[in-house]
């Protein structure tokens, strides 16, 4: 139940931002634990910068997608995470996106 709540909170963040999307477009096959997201126009270098900004600020760790996956983010929504922490991630994602775009 906690993982589902976390994934739903992250989905709300995605739906509120036109530059974020789900790697798995088919909702029926999306993970509710390791949620993979696309970032509009992002390449590997952009994601590395984006994730590095979040890491440096202590806002999120290890969120860059897997090396062999398309460039994007991977957000852990498992039961070890508080839903409030997922909800708090939204403004951090906005900040990192704007900051990385300006770099």
N, C-alpha and C. Protein backbone atom coordinates (compact mmCIF):
# COMPACT_ATOMS: atom_id res chain seq x y z
N UNK A 1 0.83 -1.20 0.00
CA UNK A 1 0.00 0.00 0.00
C UNK A 1 0.87 1.26 0.00
N UNK A 2 1.96 1.21 0.75
CA UNK A 2 2.84 2.38 0.83
C UNK A 2 3.51 2.64 -0.53
N UNK A 3 3.96 1.62 -1.18
CA UNK A 3 4.57 1.75 -2.50
C UNK A 3 3.56 2.31 -3.50
N UNK A 4 2.34 1.85 -3.44
CA UNK A 4 1.30 2.36 -4.34
C UNK A 4 1.03 3.84 -4.07
N UNK A 5 1.00 4.24 -2.80
CA UNK A 5 0.79 5.65 -2.45
C UNK A 5 1.96 6.50 -2.95
N UNK A 6 3.17 5.97 -2.82
CA UNK A 6 4.34 6.70 -3.31
C UNK A 6 4.31 6.86 -4.83
N UNK A 7 3.98 5.79 -5.52
CA UNK A 7 3.91 5.84 -6.98
C UNK A 7 2.81 6.81 -7.43
N UNK A 8 1.70 6.83 -6.71
CA UNK A 8 0.61 7.76 -7.05
C UNK A 8 1.05 9.20 -6.81
N UNK A 9 1.78 9.44 -5.74
CA UNK A 9 2.29 10.79 -5.46
C UNK A 9 3.25 11.23 -6.56
N UNK A 10 4.10 10.32 -7.01
CA UNK A 10 5.04 10.65 -8.08
C UNK A 10 4.28 10.87 -9.39
N UNK A 11 3.26 10.08 -9.64
CA UNK A 11 2.46 10.26 -10.85
C UNK A 11 1.80 11.64 -10.86
N UNK A 12 1.37 12.12 -9.70
CA UNK A 12 0.80 13.47 -9.62
C UNK A 12 1.84 14.52 -10.02
N UNK A 13 3.07 14.31 -9.59
CA UNK A 13 4.16 15.22 -9.97
C UNK A 13 4.35 15.20 -11.48
N UNK A 14 4.38 14.00 -12.05
CA UNK A 14 4.56 13.85 -13.50
C UNK A 14 3.44 14.56 -14.25
N UNK A 15 2.22 14.35 -13.84
CA UNK A 15 1.07 14.92 -14.53
C UNK A 15 1.04 16.45 -14.46
N UNK A 16 1.67 17.03 -13.44
CA UNK A 16 1.70 18.48 -13.29
C UNK A 16 2.82 19.15 -14.09
N UNK A 17 3.66 18.36 -14.76
CA UNK A 17 4.82 18.90 -15.48
C UNK A 17 4.83 18.38 -16.90
N UNK A 18 4.83 19.30 -17.86
CA UNK A 18 4.81 18.86 -19.26
C UNK A 18 6.14 18.32 -19.74
N UNK A 19 7.19 18.51 -18.98
CA UNK A 19 8.52 18.04 -19.37
C UNK A 19 8.87 16.67 -18.78
N UNK A 20 8.00 16.14 -17.94
CA UNK A 20 8.20 14.80 -17.36
C UNK A 20 7.21 13.81 -17.95
N UNK A 21 7.63 12.58 -18.10
CA UNK A 21 6.74 11.54 -18.57
C UNK A 21 7.15 10.20 -18.01
N UNK A 22 6.35 9.19 -18.26
CA UNK A 22 6.65 7.83 -17.83
C UNK A 22 7.35 7.09 -18.96
N UNK A 23 8.45 6.43 -18.63
CA UNK A 23 9.13 5.62 -19.63
C UNK A 23 8.19 4.53 -20.13
N UNK A 24 7.51 3.87 -19.21
CA UNK A 24 6.50 2.86 -19.58
C UNK A 24 5.19 3.60 -19.81
N UNK A 25 4.87 3.82 -21.07
CA UNK A 25 3.66 4.58 -21.39
C UNK A 25 2.39 3.82 -21.00
N UNK A 26 2.44 2.51 -21.04
CA UNK A 26 1.29 1.68 -20.66
C UNK A 26 1.24 1.57 -19.14
N UNK A 27 0.24 2.18 -18.54
CA UNK A 27 0.12 2.21 -17.09
C UNK A 27 0.07 0.82 -16.47
N UNK A 28 -0.45 -0.15 -17.19
CA UNK A 28 -0.59 -1.50 -16.64
C UNK A 28 0.75 -2.21 -16.43
N UNK A 29 1.82 -1.71 -17.05
CA UNK A 29 3.12 -2.37 -16.88
C UNK A 29 4.12 -1.51 -16.11
N UNK A 30 3.70 -0.36 -15.59
CA UNK A 30 4.59 0.50 -14.82
C UNK A 30 4.89 -0.09 -13.47
N UNK A 31 6.12 0.04 -13.06
CA UNK A 31 6.52 -0.37 -11.72
C UNK A 31 6.02 0.66 -10.71
N UNK A 32 5.67 0.19 -9.54
CA UNK A 32 5.31 1.11 -8.45
C UNK A 32 6.45 1.23 -7.45
N UNK A 33 7.55 0.59 -7.72
CA UNK A 33 8.70 0.70 -6.82
C UNK A 33 9.82 1.48 -7.49
N UNK A 34 10.37 0.99 -8.57
CA UNK A 34 11.43 1.68 -9.29
C UNK A 34 10.79 2.36 -10.50
N UNK A 35 10.34 3.59 -10.32
CA UNK A 35 9.59 4.29 -11.35
C UNK A 35 10.56 5.01 -12.28
N UNK A 36 10.46 4.70 -13.56
CA UNK A 36 11.35 5.29 -14.56
C UNK A 36 10.62 6.39 -15.33
N UNK A 37 11.26 7.55 -15.39
CA UNK A 37 10.66 8.72 -16.01
C UNK A 37 11.52 9.22 -17.16
N UNK A 38 10.86 9.85 -18.11
CA UNK A 38 11.55 10.54 -19.19
C UNK A 38 11.56 12.02 -18.88
N UNK A 39 12.56 12.70 -19.38
CA UNK A 39 12.67 14.15 -19.26
C UNK A 39 12.78 14.69 -20.67
N UNK A 40 11.83 15.53 -21.05
CA UNK A 40 11.76 16.04 -22.41
C UNK A 40 13.08 16.65 -22.86
N UNK A 41 13.57 16.16 -24.00
CA UNK A 41 14.78 16.70 -24.59
C UNK A 41 16.07 16.33 -23.90
N UNK A 42 16.02 15.46 -22.91
CA UNK A 42 17.21 15.13 -22.13
C UNK A 42 18.06 14.08 -22.81
N UNK A 43 19.36 14.28 -22.71
CA UNK A 43 20.30 13.25 -23.11
C UNK A 43 21.05 12.80 -21.85
N UNK A 44 21.97 11.88 -22.03
CA UNK A 44 22.69 11.31 -20.88
C UNK A 44 23.43 12.39 -20.07
N UNK A 45 24.04 13.33 -20.76
CA UNK A 45 24.79 14.39 -20.07
C UNK A 45 23.85 15.27 -19.24
N UNK A 46 22.69 15.60 -19.80
CA UNK A 46 21.72 16.42 -19.06
C UNK A 46 21.26 15.69 -17.80
N UNK A 47 20.93 14.41 -17.94
CA UNK A 47 20.47 13.63 -16.79
C UNK A 47 21.57 13.54 -15.74
N UNK A 48 22.80 13.39 -16.15
CA UNK A 48 23.91 13.33 -15.20
C UNK A 48 24.00 14.64 -14.42
N UNK A 49 23.87 15.76 -15.11
CA UNK A 49 23.87 17.06 -14.43
C UNK A 49 22.68 17.19 -13.51
N UNK A 50 21.51 16.85 -14.01
CA UNK A 50 20.25 16.93 -13.26
C UNK A 50 20.35 16.12 -11.97
N UNK A 51 20.74 14.87 -12.10
CA UNK A 51 20.85 13.99 -10.93
C UNK A 51 21.94 14.47 -9.98
N UNK A 52 23.05 14.97 -10.53
CA UNK A 52 24.13 15.48 -9.70
C UNK A 52 23.70 16.67 -8.86
N UNK A 53 22.89 17.54 -9.43
CA UNK A 53 22.37 18.68 -8.67
C UNK A 53 21.54 18.22 -7.48
N UNK A 54 20.66 17.27 -7.71
CA UNK A 54 19.81 16.74 -6.63
C UNK A 54 20.65 16.07 -5.56
N UNK A 55 21.66 15.32 -5.98
CA UNK A 55 22.53 14.63 -5.04
C UNK A 55 23.31 15.64 -4.19
N UNK A 56 23.86 16.65 -4.83
CA UNK A 56 24.66 17.66 -4.12
C UNK A 56 23.84 18.38 -3.05
N UNK A 57 22.57 18.60 -3.33
CA UNK A 57 21.69 19.29 -2.38
C UNK A 57 21.10 18.34 -1.34
N UNK A 58 21.34 17.05 -1.49
CA UNK A 58 20.77 16.08 -0.56
C UNK A 58 19.28 15.87 -0.76
N UNK A 59 18.78 16.24 -1.93
CA UNK A 59 17.35 16.14 -2.21
C UNK A 59 16.96 14.75 -2.74
N UNK A 60 17.88 14.11 -3.44
CA UNK A 60 17.62 12.78 -4.00
C UNK A 60 18.95 12.17 -4.39
N UNK A 61 19.07 10.88 -4.21
CA UNK A 61 20.31 10.18 -4.50
C UNK A 61 20.07 9.09 -5.54
N UNK A 62 21.05 8.92 -6.44
CA UNK A 62 21.04 7.82 -7.40
C UNK A 62 19.75 7.78 -8.21
N UNK A 63 19.36 8.92 -8.78
CA UNK A 63 18.11 8.98 -9.53
C UNK A 63 18.30 8.95 -11.05
N UNK A 64 19.54 8.95 -11.51
CA UNK A 64 19.75 8.82 -12.95
C UNK A 64 19.36 7.41 -13.39
N UNK A 65 18.76 7.31 -14.55
CA UNK A 65 18.36 6.00 -15.06
C UNK A 65 19.56 5.09 -15.25
N UNK A 66 19.29 3.83 -15.42
CA UNK A 66 20.35 2.86 -15.65
C UNK A 66 21.14 3.20 -16.90
N UNK A 67 22.40 2.87 -16.91
CA UNK A 67 23.31 3.18 -18.01
C UNK A 67 22.79 2.69 -19.35
N UNK A 68 22.20 1.51 -19.39
CA UNK A 68 21.73 0.94 -20.65
C UNK A 68 20.28 1.31 -20.98
N UNK A 69 19.65 2.10 -20.12
CA UNK A 69 18.27 2.52 -20.35
C UNK A 69 18.27 3.86 -21.09
N UNK A 70 17.15 4.24 -21.67
CA UNK A 70 17.07 5.58 -22.27
C UNK A 70 17.34 6.64 -21.20
N UNK A 71 17.87 7.78 -21.62
CA UNK A 71 18.17 8.86 -20.68
C UNK A 71 16.90 9.25 -19.92
N UNK A 72 16.99 9.24 -18.61
CA UNK A 72 15.83 9.58 -17.79
C UNK A 72 16.15 9.43 -16.32
N UNK A 73 15.10 9.48 -15.53
CA UNK A 73 15.22 9.39 -14.08
C UNK A 73 14.63 8.08 -13.59
N UNK A 74 15.15 7.61 -12.47
CA UNK A 74 14.64 6.40 -11.82
C UNK A 74 14.44 6.77 -10.36
N UNK A 75 13.18 6.80 -9.94
CA UNK A 75 12.83 7.23 -8.59
C UNK A 75 12.34 6.02 -7.79
N UNK A 76 12.97 5.77 -6.66
CA UNK A 76 12.57 4.66 -5.80
C UNK A 76 11.32 5.06 -5.02
N UNK A 77 10.25 4.30 -5.20
CA UNK A 77 8.98 4.55 -4.52
C UNK A 77 8.59 3.37 -3.62
N UNK A 78 9.56 2.55 -3.29
CA UNK A 78 9.28 1.38 -2.45
C UNK A 78 8.81 1.76 -1.06
N UNK A 79 8.45 0.75 -0.30
CA UNK A 79 7.86 0.94 1.03
C UNK A 79 8.81 1.55 2.05
N UNK A 80 10.09 1.64 1.72
CA UNK A 80 11.05 2.25 2.64
C UNK A 80 11.06 3.78 2.54
N UNK A 81 10.26 4.33 1.64
CA UNK A 81 10.21 5.77 1.43
C UNK A 81 8.89 6.31 1.96
N UNK A 82 8.96 7.46 2.61
CA UNK A 82 7.74 8.13 3.08
C UNK A 82 7.10 8.87 1.93
N UNK A 83 5.78 8.81 1.83
CA UNK A 83 5.06 9.49 0.76
C UNK A 83 5.32 10.99 0.80
N UNK A 84 5.46 11.56 1.98
CA UNK A 84 5.76 12.99 2.10
C UNK A 84 7.08 13.34 1.43
N UNK A 85 8.03 12.41 1.45
CA UNK A 85 9.31 12.66 0.79
C UNK A 85 9.16 12.67 -0.73
N UNK A 86 8.30 11.81 -1.26
CA UNK A 86 8.02 11.82 -2.70
C UNK A 86 7.33 13.13 -3.07
N UNK A 87 6.36 13.52 -2.29
CA UNK A 87 5.66 14.78 -2.55
C UNK A 87 6.61 15.97 -2.51
N UNK A 88 7.56 15.95 -1.59
CA UNK A 88 8.54 17.05 -1.47
C UNK A 88 9.51 17.08 -2.64
N UNK A 89 9.60 16.00 -3.38
CA UNK A 89 10.54 15.92 -4.50
C UNK A 89 10.14 16.82 -5.66
N UNK A 90 8.86 17.08 -5.83
CA UNK A 90 8.38 17.88 -6.96
C UNK A 90 9.11 19.20 -7.16
N UNK A 91 9.14 20.07 -6.15
CA UNK A 91 9.86 21.34 -6.30
C UNK A 91 11.36 21.16 -6.56
N UNK A 92 11.94 20.13 -5.99
CA UNK A 92 13.35 19.85 -6.25
C UNK A 92 13.57 19.46 -7.72
N UNK A 93 12.66 18.67 -8.27
CA UNK A 93 12.77 18.31 -9.69
C UNK A 93 12.67 19.55 -10.56
N UNK A 94 11.73 20.45 -10.22
CA UNK A 94 11.59 21.70 -10.96
C UNK A 94 12.89 22.50 -10.92
N UNK A 95 13.45 22.63 -9.73
CA UNK A 95 14.69 23.39 -9.55
C UNK A 95 15.83 22.77 -10.36
N UNK A 96 16.00 21.47 -10.25
CA UNK A 96 17.09 20.80 -10.96
C UNK A 96 16.90 20.92 -12.48
N UNK A 97 15.69 20.82 -12.94
CA UNK A 97 15.41 20.93 -14.38
C UNK A 97 15.81 22.31 -14.89
N UNK A 98 15.34 23.35 -14.22
CA UNK A 98 15.65 24.72 -14.63
C UNK A 98 17.15 24.99 -14.53
N UNK A 99 17.76 24.53 -13.46
CA UNK A 99 19.19 24.75 -13.24
C UNK A 99 20.02 24.02 -14.29
N UNK A 100 19.68 22.79 -14.58
CA UNK A 100 20.41 22.01 -15.58
C UNK A 100 20.23 22.60 -16.97
N UNK A 101 19.05 23.11 -17.26
CA UNK A 101 18.80 23.73 -18.58
C UNK A 101 19.66 24.98 -18.75
N UNK A 102 19.89 25.70 -17.66
CA UNK A 102 20.66 26.95 -17.72
C UNK A 102 22.17 26.68 -17.79
N UNK A 103 22.57 25.47 -17.44
CA UNK A 103 24.02 25.15 -17.39
C UNK A 103 24.63 25.03 -18.78
